[in-house]
Amino acid sequence: MNATVAQTRRATDTASRYAATGLLIRLALRQSRALYVTWIAALTLTTVATVLAYERVVPPGANAELTMAALGGNPTMRAMLGPPFDLMNPGGFTMWRVGTFVAAALAWMAAFGVIRATRAEEEDGRLELLRAGAVGRRAPLTAAVLVAAAACLCTGVFIAVSLTAAAPPARSALAVGLGIALVGLVGAGIGAVTAQVSESARGARGLASAALGAAYLMRAVADGSAEASGLRPLAWLSPLEWAALARPYAAERWWVLVLPLALAVSLVWLGFRLESVRDHGAGLRSAGQGPARGAAGLSGVVGLAVRLHRSSLIGWAAGVAVFAVAMGSLSDAFSTMVSDLPELAEIFRRMGGGAQDLREAFYVAMLGLIVIVLAMLGVQVLGTLRREEERGHAELLLSTAVPRRGLALSHIVPAIAAPTVLMAICGALLGLNEALGAGSVEPMGRVAWAGLVLTPGVWVCVGVAMVLHGWLPQHAGLAWALVGWSLFVAWIGAVLGLPDWLRSATPFAALPTLPVESMDWIAVLLHTALAVVFVAVGLAGYRRRNIGGG
């Protein structure tokens, strides 16, 4: 009898902890459905488009196998894309070309989705209102993890079904889809943990990005190292590598997929455990009391904006700088390629905008990716203006003598200046290895200048984001679609053989790619003028509309 009562109590306690989970699942789906649908569609189409373009990518003739073997053995390509196992198979080539990238992007999506449904809701006060009703303590995190997990599994299923039709056998296609989905679940676990550590959604996203960025960098260093190097085993420590290490289309190692599953379950369990020992609204990493008197710089909106963006900018700067140094150290591989494989050299030149010199092709390809990543930084920094408005902070500031234009410019300026400065730094670091070999700083300056020439494209992205914020704030997220399309074109546009008019539909396409092309000041000035017009139009709308509304 006592045992029955104890079991009943335990069942009741468990039910109370997860009460209203179904309701919160529907709420999370309603709030984030556009985010998840967009990511699922984009990642699935990227995979499908790559496998369908295989026949155009693989060079015809007797040298095809030799060329693809040299391509897969190149340390720079391995660092960028991951370990290849069977490039003569459409499915194996697709897994190498975009599989690791898709898995990493899915992990980012899941982590940010969990943080958005938990820490962001808690920070804005909405979760406290929900918990005032019959909502269990574990229900919000449970709902967030389940929704993110469902999105990851849907992506994996869509990819597996697509590859089964385009690149059989079904067993190998299932390995690709399952591996990518499980890596995405690891991202959900990371989001569950970081949402408990930081007391702000911004801090949680920063921690999650740092963890995933470190995993990707570890993978790149390990894959780019020599076969006998002691760094090569580090690939097994990066969860973003596990989908590739399962060897889809090359004698699958199914046991490897246990690793992301076990890590995801462990991280989710840890997230629940950490949530149970912290106070609502607080994080395990307290922000501290701060000084009794604020710094003099905080007396204005400029100082406040610098304080809001400081941690994020430091993290971005460290991440892109390390990436630039790591990639720059591999630039020699492009000048020491096998000279009797013209097909392989042609692949590199196509990736590098048609550059004849392989090292220059490498610089062009890297700069084209880095500038889009920094465009993400610009859009993110400007997005702080919208978040401050949603939380009511902007209204408090504007109730003082702060003008709307001054508040907006305090975020617009760093959104433009930070990517510009970081682009110059990354260009210099990319050319550092060549500069050390030549005993001259000229390569660093040359590559830095080539990077700076591309930054007006970033300014245009920020300008578009400001137009949306000024006139259609409820659709401000569309700026990310522009950046995402640019990344898609830069990453696999040349591989897919997209029409020139479609590949030119990005803010970066018309800018000169130095040194492949000659300097085109007209294009640079036109992009700059367009960015200025967009910012001005956005400011005009921001000054006229209601704060907190459209």
Protein backbone atom coordinates (compact mmCIF):
# COMPACT_ATOMS: atom_id res chain seq x y z
CA MET A 1 0.00 0.00 0.00
CA ASN A 2 2.81 2.40 0.93
CA ALA A 3 4.63 1.50 -2.27
CA THR A 4 1.54 2.31 -4.31
CA VAL A 5 1.17 5.67 -2.61
CA ALA A 6 4.84 6.47 -3.19
CA GLN A 7 4.54 5.57 -6.88
CA THR A 8 1.44 7.72 -7.19
CA ARG A 9 3.23 10.67 -5.60
CA ARG A 10 6.22 10.27 -7.88
CA ALA A 11 3.96 10.14 -10.92
CA THR A 12 2.12 13.23 -9.72
CA ASP A 13 5.38 15.10 -9.10
CA THR A 14 6.67 14.17 -12.54
CA ALA A 15 3.43 15.26 -14.18
CA SER A 16 3.52 18.59 -12.34
CA ARG A 17 7.08 19.29 -13.52
CA TYR A 18 6.06 18.85 -17.16
CA ALA A 19 2.56 20.33 -16.97
CA ALA A 20 1.47 22.33 -20.04
CA THR A 21 4.38 21.06 -22.14
CA GLY A 22 2.04 20.56 -25.09
CA LEU A 23 0.82 24.14 -24.83
CA LEU A 24 4.39 25.46 -24.79
CA ILE A 25 5.30 23.29 -27.78
CA ARG A 26 2.51 24.94 -29.77
CA LEU A 27 3.67 28.35 -28.56
CA ALA A 28 7.29 27.65 -29.58
CA LEU A 29 6.14 26.44 -32.98
CA ARG A 30 4.04 29.54 -33.49
CA GLN A 31 6.87 31.89 -32.51
CA SER A 32 9.69 30.13 -34.39
CA ARG A 33 7.98 28.36 -37.26
CA ALA A 34 9.35 30.78 -39.85
CA LEU A 35 12.87 30.35 -38.47
CA TYR A 36 12.74 26.56 -38.55
CA VAL A 37 10.97 26.26 -41.91
CA THR A 38 13.48 28.60 -43.56
CA TRP A 39 16.48 26.74 -42.15
CA ILE A 40 15.08 23.30 -42.98
CA ALA A 41 14.28 24.31 -46.55
CA ALA A 42 17.62 26.04 -47.11
CA LEU A 43 19.75 23.19 -45.76
CA THR A 44 17.78 20.52 -47.61
CA LEU A 45 17.93 22.40 -50.91
CA THR A 46 21.66 22.99 -50.46
CA THR A 47 22.25 19.26 -50.14
CA VAL A 48 19.96 18.33 -53.01
CA ALA A 49 21.38 20.99 -55.34
CA THR A 50 24.92 19.78 -54.67
CA VAL A 51 24.22 16.15 -55.49
CA LEU A 52 22.35 17.13 -58.66
CA ALA A 53 25.35 19.21 -59.77
CA TYR A 54 27.79 16.31 -59.40
CA GLU A 55 28.02 15.57 -63.11
CA ARG A 56 29.04 19.17 -63.84
CA VAL A 57 31.65 19.22 -61.07
CA VAL A 58 33.50 15.96 -61.68
CA PRO A 59 35.91 16.43 -64.60
CA PRO A 60 35.43 13.98 -67.47
CA GLY A 61 38.15 11.74 -68.82
CA ALA A 62 40.70 9.31 -67.48
CA ASN A 63 42.15 11.79 -65.00
CA ALA A 64 38.87 12.15 -63.11
CA GLU A 65 39.75 9.74 -60.31
CA LEU A 66 43.29 11.09 -59.98
CA THR A 67 42.02 14.65 -59.93
CA MET A 68 39.39 13.99 -57.27
CA ALA A 69 41.92 12.10 -55.16
CA ALA A 70 44.29 15.08 -55.31
CA LEU A 71 41.41 17.42 -54.51
CA GLY A 72 40.42 15.39 -51.46
CA GLY A 73 44.03 15.09 -50.34
CA ASN A 74 44.68 18.82 -50.48
CA PRO A 75 45.04 20.06 -46.87
CA THR A 76 43.33 23.38 -47.56
CA MET A 77 40.26 21.73 -49.06
CA ARG A 78 40.16 19.25 -46.19
CA ALA A 79 40.35 22.08 -43.67
CA MET A 80 37.52 23.91 -45.39
CA LEU A 81 35.21 20.98 -46.09
CA GLY A 82 36.22 17.98 -43.99
CA PRO A 83 37.57 14.49 -44.67
CA PRO A 84 36.66 12.90 -48.04
CA PHE A 85 36.12 9.15 -48.35
CA ASP A 86 34.67 8.50 -51.81
CA LEU A 87 34.55 11.52 -54.10
CA MET A 88 33.77 9.42 -57.17
CA ASN A 89 30.33 8.74 -55.73
CA PRO A 90 27.72 11.55 -55.96
CA GLY A 91 26.58 10.94 -52.40
CA GLY A 92 30.10 10.76 -51.00
CA PHE A 93 31.06 13.95 -52.83
CA THR A 94 27.97 15.73 -51.50
CA MET A 95 28.73 14.69 -47.93
CA TRP A 96 32.26 16.07 -48.29
CA ARG A 97 31.31 19.24 -50.13
CA VAL A 98 28.41 20.43 -47.95
CA GLY A 99 27.67 17.75 -45.34
CA THR A 100 29.80 19.14 -42.53
CA PHE A 101 28.67 22.68 -43.30
CA VAL A 102 24.99 21.65 -43.21
CA ALA A 103 25.51 19.76 -39.94
CA ALA A 104 27.20 22.79 -38.35
CA ALA A 105 24.45 25.15 -39.59
CA LEU A 106 21.77 22.81 -38.23
CA ALA A 107 23.50 22.76 -34.83
CA TRP A 108 23.54 26.58 -34.80
CA MET A 109 19.84 26.63 -35.70
CA ALA A 110 18.92 24.23 -32.90
CA ALA A 111 21.02 26.04 -30.30
CA PHE A 112 19.57 29.44 -31.16
CA GLY A 113 16.05 28.00 -31.32
CA VAL A 114 16.30 26.57 -27.79
CA ILE A 115 17.76 29.82 -26.45
CA ARG A 116 15.02 31.83 -28.12
CA ALA A 117 12.25 29.71 -26.57
CA THR A 118 13.80 29.67 -23.08
CA ARG A 119 16.31 32.32 -22.04
CA ALA A 120 14.98 35.02 -24.38
CA GLU A 121 11.40 34.44 -23.19
CA GLU A 122 12.60 34.47 -19.58
CA GLU A 123 14.60 37.65 -20.09
CA ASP A 124 11.62 39.44 -21.62
CA GLY A 125 9.37 38.43 -18.72
CA ARG A 126 6.89 36.38 -20.76
CA LEU A 127 7.98 33.08 -19.26
CA GLU A 128 7.30 34.37 -15.75
CA LEU A 129 3.73 35.18 -16.77
CA LEU A 130 3.27 31.67 -18.16
CA ARG A 131 4.68 30.07 -15.03
CA ALA A 132 2.18 31.99 -12.96
CA GLY A 133 -0.35 29.50 -14.35
CA ALA A 134 -0.37 25.72 -14.30
CA VAL A 135 2.98 25.35 -16.06
CA GLY A 136 5.60 22.94 -14.78
CA ARG A 137 9.14 24.08 -14.07
CA ARG A 138 10.64 21.80 -16.70
CA ALA A 139 7.96 22.38 -19.31
CA PRO A 140 9.56 25.39 -21.11
CA LEU A 141 12.93 23.72 -21.62
CA THR A 142 11.28 20.43 -22.53
CA ALA A 143 9.12 22.11 -25.16
CA ALA A 144 12.07 24.06 -26.59
CA VAL A 145 14.27 20.96 -26.88
CA LEU A 146 11.48 18.86 -28.41
CA VAL A 147 10.70 21.47 -31.05
CA ALA A 148 14.39 21.89 -31.95
CA ALA A 149 14.84 18.11 -32.04
CA ALA A 150 11.82 17.75 -34.33
CA ALA A 151 13.28 20.37 -36.68
CA CYS A 152 16.62 18.52 -36.77
CA LEU A 153 14.95 15.17 -37.43
CA CYS A 154 12.78 16.67 -40.18
CA THR A 155 15.89 18.04 -41.85
CA GLY A 156 17.59 14.66 -41.59
CA VAL A 157 14.57 12.86 -43.03
CA PHE A 158 14.23 15.27 -45.96
CA ILE A 159 17.94 14.96 -46.76
CA ALA A 160 17.87 11.16 -46.50
CA VAL A 161 14.81 10.85 -48.74
CA SER A 162 16.26 13.26 -51.31
CA LEU A 163 19.60 11.48 -51.45
CA THR A 164 17.89 8.09 -51.69
CA ALA A 165 16.29 9.25 -54.93
CA ALA A 166 19.31 11.11 -56.31
CA ALA A 167 22.24 9.08 -54.95
CA PRO A 168 21.30 5.56 -53.82
CA PRO A 169 21.71 3.27 -51.92
CA ALA A 170 19.16 4.16 -49.25
CA ARG A 171 21.45 2.85 -46.50
CA SER A 172 24.11 5.45 -47.24
CA ALA A 173 21.55 8.22 -47.70
CA LEU A 174 20.14 7.33 -44.28
CA ALA A 175 23.63 7.60 -42.77
CA VAL A 176 23.94 11.15 -44.14
CA GLY A 177 20.53 12.28 -42.92
CA LEU A 178 20.85 10.61 -39.52
CA GLY A 179 24.37 11.93 -38.95
CA ILE A 180 23.40 15.50 -39.79
CA ALA A 181 20.26 15.30 -37.62
CA LEU A 182 22.18 13.97 -34.61
CA VAL A 183 24.80 16.71 -34.89
CA GLY A 184 21.90 19.16 -34.89
CA LEU A 185 20.67 17.56 -31.65
CA VAL A 186 24.06 18.30 -30.11
CA GLY A 187 23.43 21.96 -30.93
CA ALA A 188 20.08 21.76 -29.12
CA GLY A 189 21.91 20.37 -26.08
CA ILE A 190 24.45 23.19 -26.22
CA GLY A 191 21.62 25.71 -26.35
CA ALA A 192 19.94 24.06 -23.36
CA VAL A 193 23.13 24.38 -21.30
CA THR A 194 24.15 27.90 -22.31
CA ALA A 195 20.61 29.14 -21.65
CA GLN A 196 21.16 28.23 -18.00
CA VAL A 197 24.69 29.58 -17.72
CA SER A 198 24.07 33.13 -18.94
CA GLU A 199 21.39 35.42 -17.59
CA SER A 200 20.82 37.02 -21.00
CA ALA A 201 19.86 35.58 -24.37
CA ARG A 202 22.71 37.49 -26.00
CA GLY A 203 25.23 35.95 -23.63
CA ALA A 204 23.77 32.48 -24.17
CA ARG A 205 24.02 32.87 -27.94
CA GLY A 206 27.59 34.06 -27.57
CA LEU A 207 28.54 31.03 -25.48
CA ALA A 208 26.81 28.65 -27.90
CA SER A 209 28.51 30.30 -30.89
CA ALA A 210 31.88 30.12 -29.15
CA ALA A 211 31.43 26.41 -28.41
CA LEU A 212 30.35 25.56 -31.97
CA GLY A 213 33.00 27.84 -33.47
CA ALA A 214 35.71 26.17 -31.41
CA ALA A 215 34.45 22.76 -32.53
CA TYR A 216 34.53 23.84 -36.19
CA LEU A 217 38.01 25.34 -35.85
CA MET A 218 39.29 22.18 -34.14
CA ARG A 219 37.88 20.16 -37.00
CA ALA A 220 39.52 22.42 -39.59
CA VAL A 221 42.93 22.27 -37.91
CA ALA A 222 42.76 18.50 -37.54
CA ASP A 223 41.63 17.85 -41.12
CA GLY A 224 44.15 20.30 -42.57
CA SER A 225 47.11 18.74 -40.79
CA ALA A 226 49.37 16.07 -42.25
CA GLU A 227 48.32 12.43 -42.12
CA ALA A 228 51.00 11.57 -39.57
CA SER A 229 50.47 14.70 -37.49
CA GLY A 230 49.44 14.40 -33.88
CA LEU A 231 46.70 16.95 -34.58
CA ARG A 232 44.74 14.63 -36.87
CA PRO A 233 43.05 12.67 -34.00
CA LEU A 234 41.60 15.96 -32.71
CA ALA A 235 38.89 15.53 -35.34
CA TRP A 236 37.28 12.93 -33.10
CA LEU A 237 36.85 15.57 -30.38
CA SER A 238 34.72 17.80 -32.60
CA PRO A 239 31.03 16.80 -32.69
CA LEU A 240 30.67 18.64 -35.99
CA GLU A 241 32.96 16.05 -37.58
CA TRP A 242 31.10 12.94 -36.43
CA ALA A 243 28.59 12.90 -39.28
CA ALA A 244 31.47 12.74 -41.78
CA LEU A 245 33.44 10.21 -39.70
CA ALA A 246 30.49 7.83 -39.96
CA ARG A 247 31.72 7.43 -43.58
CA PRO A 248 28.44 7.63 -45.55
CA TYR A 249 28.77 6.00 -48.97
CA ALA A 250 32.09 4.45 -47.92
CA ALA A 251 31.54 1.39 -45.70
CA GLU A 252 29.41 3.16 -43.09
CA ARG A 253 30.52 3.09 -39.47
CA TRP A 254 27.16 3.21 -37.73
CA TRP A 255 28.68 3.06 -34.27
CA VAL A 256 30.07 6.59 -34.74
CA LEU A 257 26.52 7.97 -34.69
CA VAL A 258 26.23 6.86 -31.08
CA LEU A 259 28.67 9.66 -30.18
CA PRO A 260 26.45 12.65 -31.12
CA LEU A 261 23.40 10.91 -29.66
CA ALA A 262 25.14 10.28 -26.34
CA LEU A 263 26.54 13.83 -26.20
CA ALA A 264 23.16 15.38 -27.05
CA VAL A 265 21.39 13.38 -24.33
CA SER A 266 24.10 14.27 -21.81
CA LEU A 267 23.94 17.97 -22.64
CA VAL A 268 20.14 18.06 -22.41
CA TRP A 269 20.29 16.26 -19.05
CA LEU A 270 22.89 18.77 -17.87
CA GLY A 271 20.66 21.63 -19.04
CA PHE A 272 17.76 20.32 -16.94
CA ARG A 273 20.07 19.78 -13.98
CA LEU A 274 21.44 23.31 -14.16
CA GLU A 275 17.96 24.76 -14.52
CA SER A 276 16.90 23.05 -11.31
CA VAL A 277 19.61 24.75 -9.24
CA ARG A 278 19.28 28.34 -10.44
CA ASP A 279 16.75 31.05 -9.73
CA HIS A 280 14.26 32.21 -12.32
CA GLY A 281 15.66 35.17 -14.24
CA ALA A 282 19.22 34.45 -13.11
CA GLY A 283 22.06 32.53 -14.68
CA LEU A 284 24.77 30.37 -13.20
CA ARG A 285 27.25 33.00 -14.36
CA SER A 286 26.14 36.12 -12.56
CA ALA A 287 26.72 39.48 -14.18
CA GLY A 288 27.90 40.92 -10.88
CA GLN A 289 26.92 44.12 -9.12
CA GLY A 290 29.23 46.41 -11.06
CA PRO A 291 30.85 49.59 -9.76
CA ALA A 292 28.96 52.01 -7.54
CA ARG A 293 29.31 54.75 -10.15
CA GLY A 294 29.03 54.26 -13.87
CA ALA A 295 31.87 55.10 -16.22
CA ALA A 296 31.84 58.54 -17.77
CA GLY A 297 31.38 57.03 -21.22
CA LEU A 298 28.02 55.53 -20.20
CA SER A 299 26.50 58.99 -19.89
CA GLY A 300 25.57 58.93 -23.59
CA VAL A 301 24.03 56.51 -26.07
CA VAL A 302 27.37 55.96 -27.81
CA GLY A 303 29.00 54.66 -24.64
CA LEU A 304 25.96 52.51 -23.91
CA ALA A 305 26.05 50.99 -27.40
CA VAL A 306 29.76 50.24 -27.03
CA ARG A 307 29.06 48.53 -23.73
CA LEU A 308 26.23 46.48 -25.23
CA HIS A 309 28.33 45.32 -28.19
CA ARG A 310 31.71 44.97 -26.47
CA SER A 311 31.60 41.30 -25.53
CA SER A 312 30.07 40.25 -28.83
CA LEU A 313 32.63 42.17 -30.88
CA ILE A 314 35.53 40.74 -28.89
CA GLY A 315 34.24 37.23 -29.50
CA TRP A 316 33.74 37.82 -33.22
CA ALA A 317 37.16 39.41 -33.55
CA ALA A 318 38.89 36.49 -31.85
CA GLY A 319 36.99 33.93 -33.91
CA VAL A 320 37.56 35.41 -37.35
CA ALA A 321 41.18 36.26 -36.55
CA VAL A 322 41.98 32.69 -35.55
CA PHE A 323 40.19 31.41 -38.64
CA ALA A 324 42.13 33.78 -40.90
CA VAL A 325 45.47 32.74 -39.40
CA ALA A 326 44.61 29.05 -39.69
CA MET A 327 43.47 29.34 -43.30
CA GLY A 328 46.38 31.60 -44.23
CA SER A 329 48.84 29.02 -42.94
CA LEU A 330 47.48 26.61 -45.57
CA SER A 331 47.82 28.99 -48.51
CA ASP A 332 51.08 27.40 -49.68
CA ALA A 333 49.14 24.28 -50.64
CA PHE A 334 47.61 26.14 -53.56
CA SER A 335 50.99 26.99 -55.03
CA THR A 336 52.40 23.48 -54.62
CA MET A 337 49.59 21.53 -56.24
CA VAL A 338 50.24 18.73 -58.71
CA SER A 339 51.11 20.60 -61.89
CA ASP A 340 50.00 17.87 -64.31
CA LEU A 341 46.32 18.00 -63.25
CA PRO A 342 44.81 20.94 -65.12
CA GLU A 343 41.27 19.88 -64.14
CA LEU A 344 42.12 20.29 -60.48
CA ALA A 345 43.69 23.68 -61.05
CA GLU A 346 40.59 24.73 -62.97
CA ILE A 347 38.36 23.80 -60.01
CA PHE A 348 40.45 26.02 -57.75
CA ARG A 349 40.41 28.88 -60.24
CA ARG A 350 36.63 28.66 -60.56
CA MET A 351 36.31 28.86 -56.77
CA GLY A 352 38.67 31.84 -56.77
CA GLY A 353 36.85 33.97 -59.31
CA GLY A 354 38.98 32.88 -62.25
CA ALA A 355 42.40 33.74 -60.80
CA GLN A 356 45.25 32.10 -62.71
CA ASP A 357 47.58 32.06 -59.73
CA LEU A 358 46.39 29.39 -57.29
CA ARG A 359 47.44 31.33 -54.22
CA GLU A 360 45.48 34.35 -55.43
CA ALA A 361 42.50 32.10 -56.12
CA PHE A 362 42.73 30.94 -52.51
CA TYR A 363 42.73 34.51 -51.21
CA VAL A 364 39.72 35.45 -53.34
CA ALA A 365 37.73 32.42 -52.19
CA MET A 366 38.53 33.02 -48.51
CA LEU A 367 37.82 36.74 -48.63
CA GLY A 368 34.51 36.07 -50.38
CA LEU A 369 33.41 33.87 -47.48
CA ILE A 370 34.79 36.01 -44.67
CA VAL A 371 33.11 39.19 -45.92
CA ILE A 372 29.70 37.48 -45.81
CA VAL A 373 30.37 36.18 -42.30
CA LEU A 374 31.19 39.74 -41.26
CA ALA A 375 27.97 40.91 -42.94
CA MET A 376 26.22 38.63 -40.44
CA LEU A 377 28.03 40.52 -37.69
CA GLY A 378 26.80 43.84 -39.07
CA VAL A 379 23.19 42.69 -39.25
CA GLN A 380 23.44 41.22 -35.75
CA VAL A 381 24.84 44.44 -34.27
CA LEU A 382 22.09 46.51 -35.85
CA GLY A 383 19.54 43.97 -34.63
CA THR A 384 20.34 45.08 -31.08
CA LEU A 385 18.41 48.28 -31.83
CA ARG A 386 15.28 46.21 -32.44
CA ARG A 387 15.80 44.06 -29.33
CA GLU A 388 16.28 47.14 -27.16
CA GLU A 389 13.01 48.45 -28.53
CA GLU A 390 11.14 45.22 -27.86
CA ARG A 391 12.33 45.16 -24.24
CA GLY A 392 11.28 48.73 -23.59
CA HIS A 393 14.82 50.04 -23.10
CA ALA A 394 14.68 52.26 -26.20
CA GLU A 395 11.50 53.92 -24.99
CA LEU A 396 13.15 54.77 -21.67
CA LEU A 397 16.15 56.31 -23.42
CA LEU A 398 13.99 58.29 -25.81
CA SER A 399 11.97 59.68 -22.91
CA THR A 400 15.10 61.68 -22.05
CA ALA A 401 16.93 64.16 -24.27
CA VAL A 402 18.20 61.39 -26.56
CA PRO A 403 17.02 61.92 -30.17
CA ARG A 404 15.90 58.95 -32.24
CA ARG A 405 18.55 59.57 -34.88
CA GLY A 406 21.28 59.59 -32.23
CA LEU A 407 20.05 56.31 -30.75
CA ALA A 408 19.91 54.66 -34.17
CA LEU A 409 23.33 55.92 -35.23
CA SER A 410 24.88 54.58 -32.02
CA HIS A 411 24.14 51.10 -33.39
CA ILE A 412 24.50 51.80 -37.12
CA VAL A 413 28.07 53.07 -36.81
CA PRO A 414 29.48 49.97 -35.05
CA ALA A 415 27.43 47.76 -37.39
CA ILE A 416 29.39 49.30 -40.28
CA ALA A 417 32.74 50.06 -38.65
CA ALA A 418 33.34 46.75 -36.86
CA PRO A 419 33.05 44.51 -39.97
CA THR A 420 35.18 46.98 -41.96
CA VAL A 421 38.02 46.94 -39.44
CA LEU A 422 37.82 43.18 -38.97
CA MET A 423 37.86 42.64 -42.75
CA ALA A 424 41.14 44.53 -43.02
CA ILE A 425 42.59 42.53 -40.11
CA CYS A 426 41.48 39.22 -41.60
CA GLY A 427 42.97 40.11 -44.97
CA ALA A 428 46.29 40.96 -43.38
CA LEU A 429 46.28 37.70 -41.39
CA LEU A 430 45.45 35.68 -44.51
CA GLY A 431 48.57 37.10 -46.17
CA LEU A 432 50.72 36.66 -43.06
CA ASN A 433 52.11 33.28 -44.12
CA GLU A 434 53.15 34.58 -47.53
CA ALA A 435 54.63 37.69 -45.91
CA LEU A 436 56.78 35.58 -43.58
CA GLY A 437 58.05 33.55 -46.52
CA ALA A 438 58.80 36.63 -48.62
CA GLY A 439 60.25 38.68 -45.76
CA SER A 440 57.97 41.58 -46.66
CA VAL A 441 54.67 42.96 -45.39
CA GLU A 442 53.53 43.69 -48.94
CA PRO A 443 51.36 40.51 -49.20
CA MET A 444 49.56 41.45 -45.97
CA GLY A 445 48.74 44.91 -47.27
CA ARG A 446 47.69 43.58 -50.66
CA VAL A 447 45.24 41.03 -49.27
CA ALA A 448 43.95 43.49 -46.65
CA TRP A 449 43.17 46.00 -49.40
CA ALA A 450 41.43 43.29 -51.44
CA GLY A 451 39.25 42.60 -48.40
CA LEU A 452 38.44 46.26 -47.78
CA VAL A 453 37.23 46.67 -51.34
CA LEU A 454 34.49 44.11 -50.60
CA THR A 455 33.19 45.85 -47.46
CA PRO A 456 30.69 48.15 -49.26
CA GLY A 457 28.66 44.98 -49.73
CA VAL A 458 28.49 44.68 -45.94
CA TRP A 459 27.37 48.29 -45.73
CA VAL A 460 24.54 47.57 -48.19
CA CYS A 461 23.37 44.64 -46.03
CA VAL A 462 23.35 46.89 -42.97
CA GLY A 463 21.48 49.54 -44.96
CA VAL A 464 18.81 47.02 -45.99
CA ALA A 465 18.48 45.96 -42.36
CA MET A 466 18.00 49.60 -41.35
CA VAL A 467 15.32 50.15 -44.02
CA LEU A 468 13.41 47.16 -42.67
CA HIS A 469 13.83 48.32 -39.08
CA GLY A 470 12.71 51.84 -39.93
CA TRP A 471 9.65 50.98 -42.01
CA LEU A 472 8.80 47.30 -41.45
CA PRO A 473 10.25 46.37 -38.04
CA GLN A 474 8.09 43.26 -37.81
CA HIS A 475 9.92 41.95 -40.91
CA ALA A 476 13.43 42.98 -39.87
CA GLY A 477 14.55 39.34 -40.06
CA LEU A 478 14.38 39.49 -43.85
CA ALA A 479 17.85 41.08 -43.79
CA TRP A 480 19.15 37.66 -42.78
CA ALA A 481 17.65 36.19 -45.95
CA LEU A 482 19.85 38.52 -48.03
CA VAL A 483 22.96 37.48 -46.13
CA GLY A 484 21.98 33.81 -46.27
CA TRP A 485 21.50 33.96 -50.04
CA SER A 486 24.90 35.59 -50.42
CA LEU A 487 26.51 32.81 -48.38
CA PHE A 488 24.75 30.16 -50.46
CA VAL A 489 26.02 31.68 -53.69
CA ALA A 490 29.57 32.09 -52.36
CA TRP A 491 29.74 28.58 -50.89
CA ILE A 492 28.31 26.44 -53.68
CA GLY A 493 27.13 28.83 -56.39
CA ALA A 494 30.09 28.09 -58.64
CA VAL A 495 29.80 24.36 -57.99
CA LEU A 496 26.12 24.31 -58.94
CA GLY A 497 26.76 26.28 -62.11
CA LEU A 498 24.10 28.87 -61.32
CA PRO A 499 23.36 31.36 -64.11
CA ASP A 500 25.46 34.51 -64.01
CA TRP A 501 22.43 36.74 -63.48
CA LEU A 502 21.44 34.70 -60.44
CA ARG A 503 24.95 34.65 -58.97
CA SER A 504 25.18 38.40 -59.45
CA ALA A 505 22.05 38.99 -57.35
CA THR A 506 24.02 39.64 -54.16
CA PRO A 507 25.43 42.87 -52.68
CA PHE A 508 28.97 41.58 -53.27
CA ALA A 509 28.86 40.33 -56.86
CA ALA A 510 29.49 43.67 -58.62
CA LEU A 511 32.45 44.60 -56.41
CA PRO A 512 35.93 44.02 -57.84
CA THR A 513 37.72 40.87 -56.68
CA LEU A 514 41.33 41.95 -56.39
CA PRO A 515 43.78 41.00 -57.81
CA VAL A 516 41.78 38.90 -60.28
CA GLU A 517 40.05 42.01 -61.55
CA SER A 518 41.27 45.58 -61.80
CA MET A 519 40.07 48.14 -59.29
CA ASP A 520 36.59 49.44 -60.13
CA TRP A 521 36.01 52.63 -58.18
CA ILE A 522 32.63 53.20 -59.80
CA ALA A 523 31.25 49.94 -58.36
CA VAL A 524 32.71 50.70 -54.92
CA LEU A 525 31.32 54.23 -54.87
CA LEU A 526 27.91 53.10 -56.14
CA HIS A 527 27.64 50.49 -53.37
CA THR A 528 28.72 53.08 -50.83
CA ALA A 529 26.14 55.56 -52.09
CA LEU A 530 23.46 52.87 -52.08
CA ALA A 531 24.30 52.01 -48.46
CA VAL A 532 24.08 55.69 -47.48
CA VAL A 533 20.67 56.00 -49.18
CA PHE A 534 19.38 52.87 -47.44
CA VAL A 535 20.53 54.14 -44.04
CA ALA A 536 18.95 57.55 -44.68
CA VAL A 537 15.65 55.99 -45.76
CA GLY A 538 15.69 53.72 -42.74
CA LEU A 539 16.36 56.64 -40.39
CA ALA A 540 13.47 58.58 -41.97
CA GLY A 541 11.09 55.72 -41.25
CA TYR A 542 12.46 55.21 -37.74
CA ARG A 543 11.90 58.86 -36.86
CA ARG A 544 8.26 58.71 -37.95
CA ARG A 545 6.90 55.40 -36.71
CA ASN A 546 5.75 54.38 -33.26
CA ILE A 547 8.37 52.89 -30.96
CA GLY A 548 7.56 49.27 -30.27
CA GLY A 549 5.26 49.04 -33.28
CA GLY A 550 5.30 49.22 -37.06
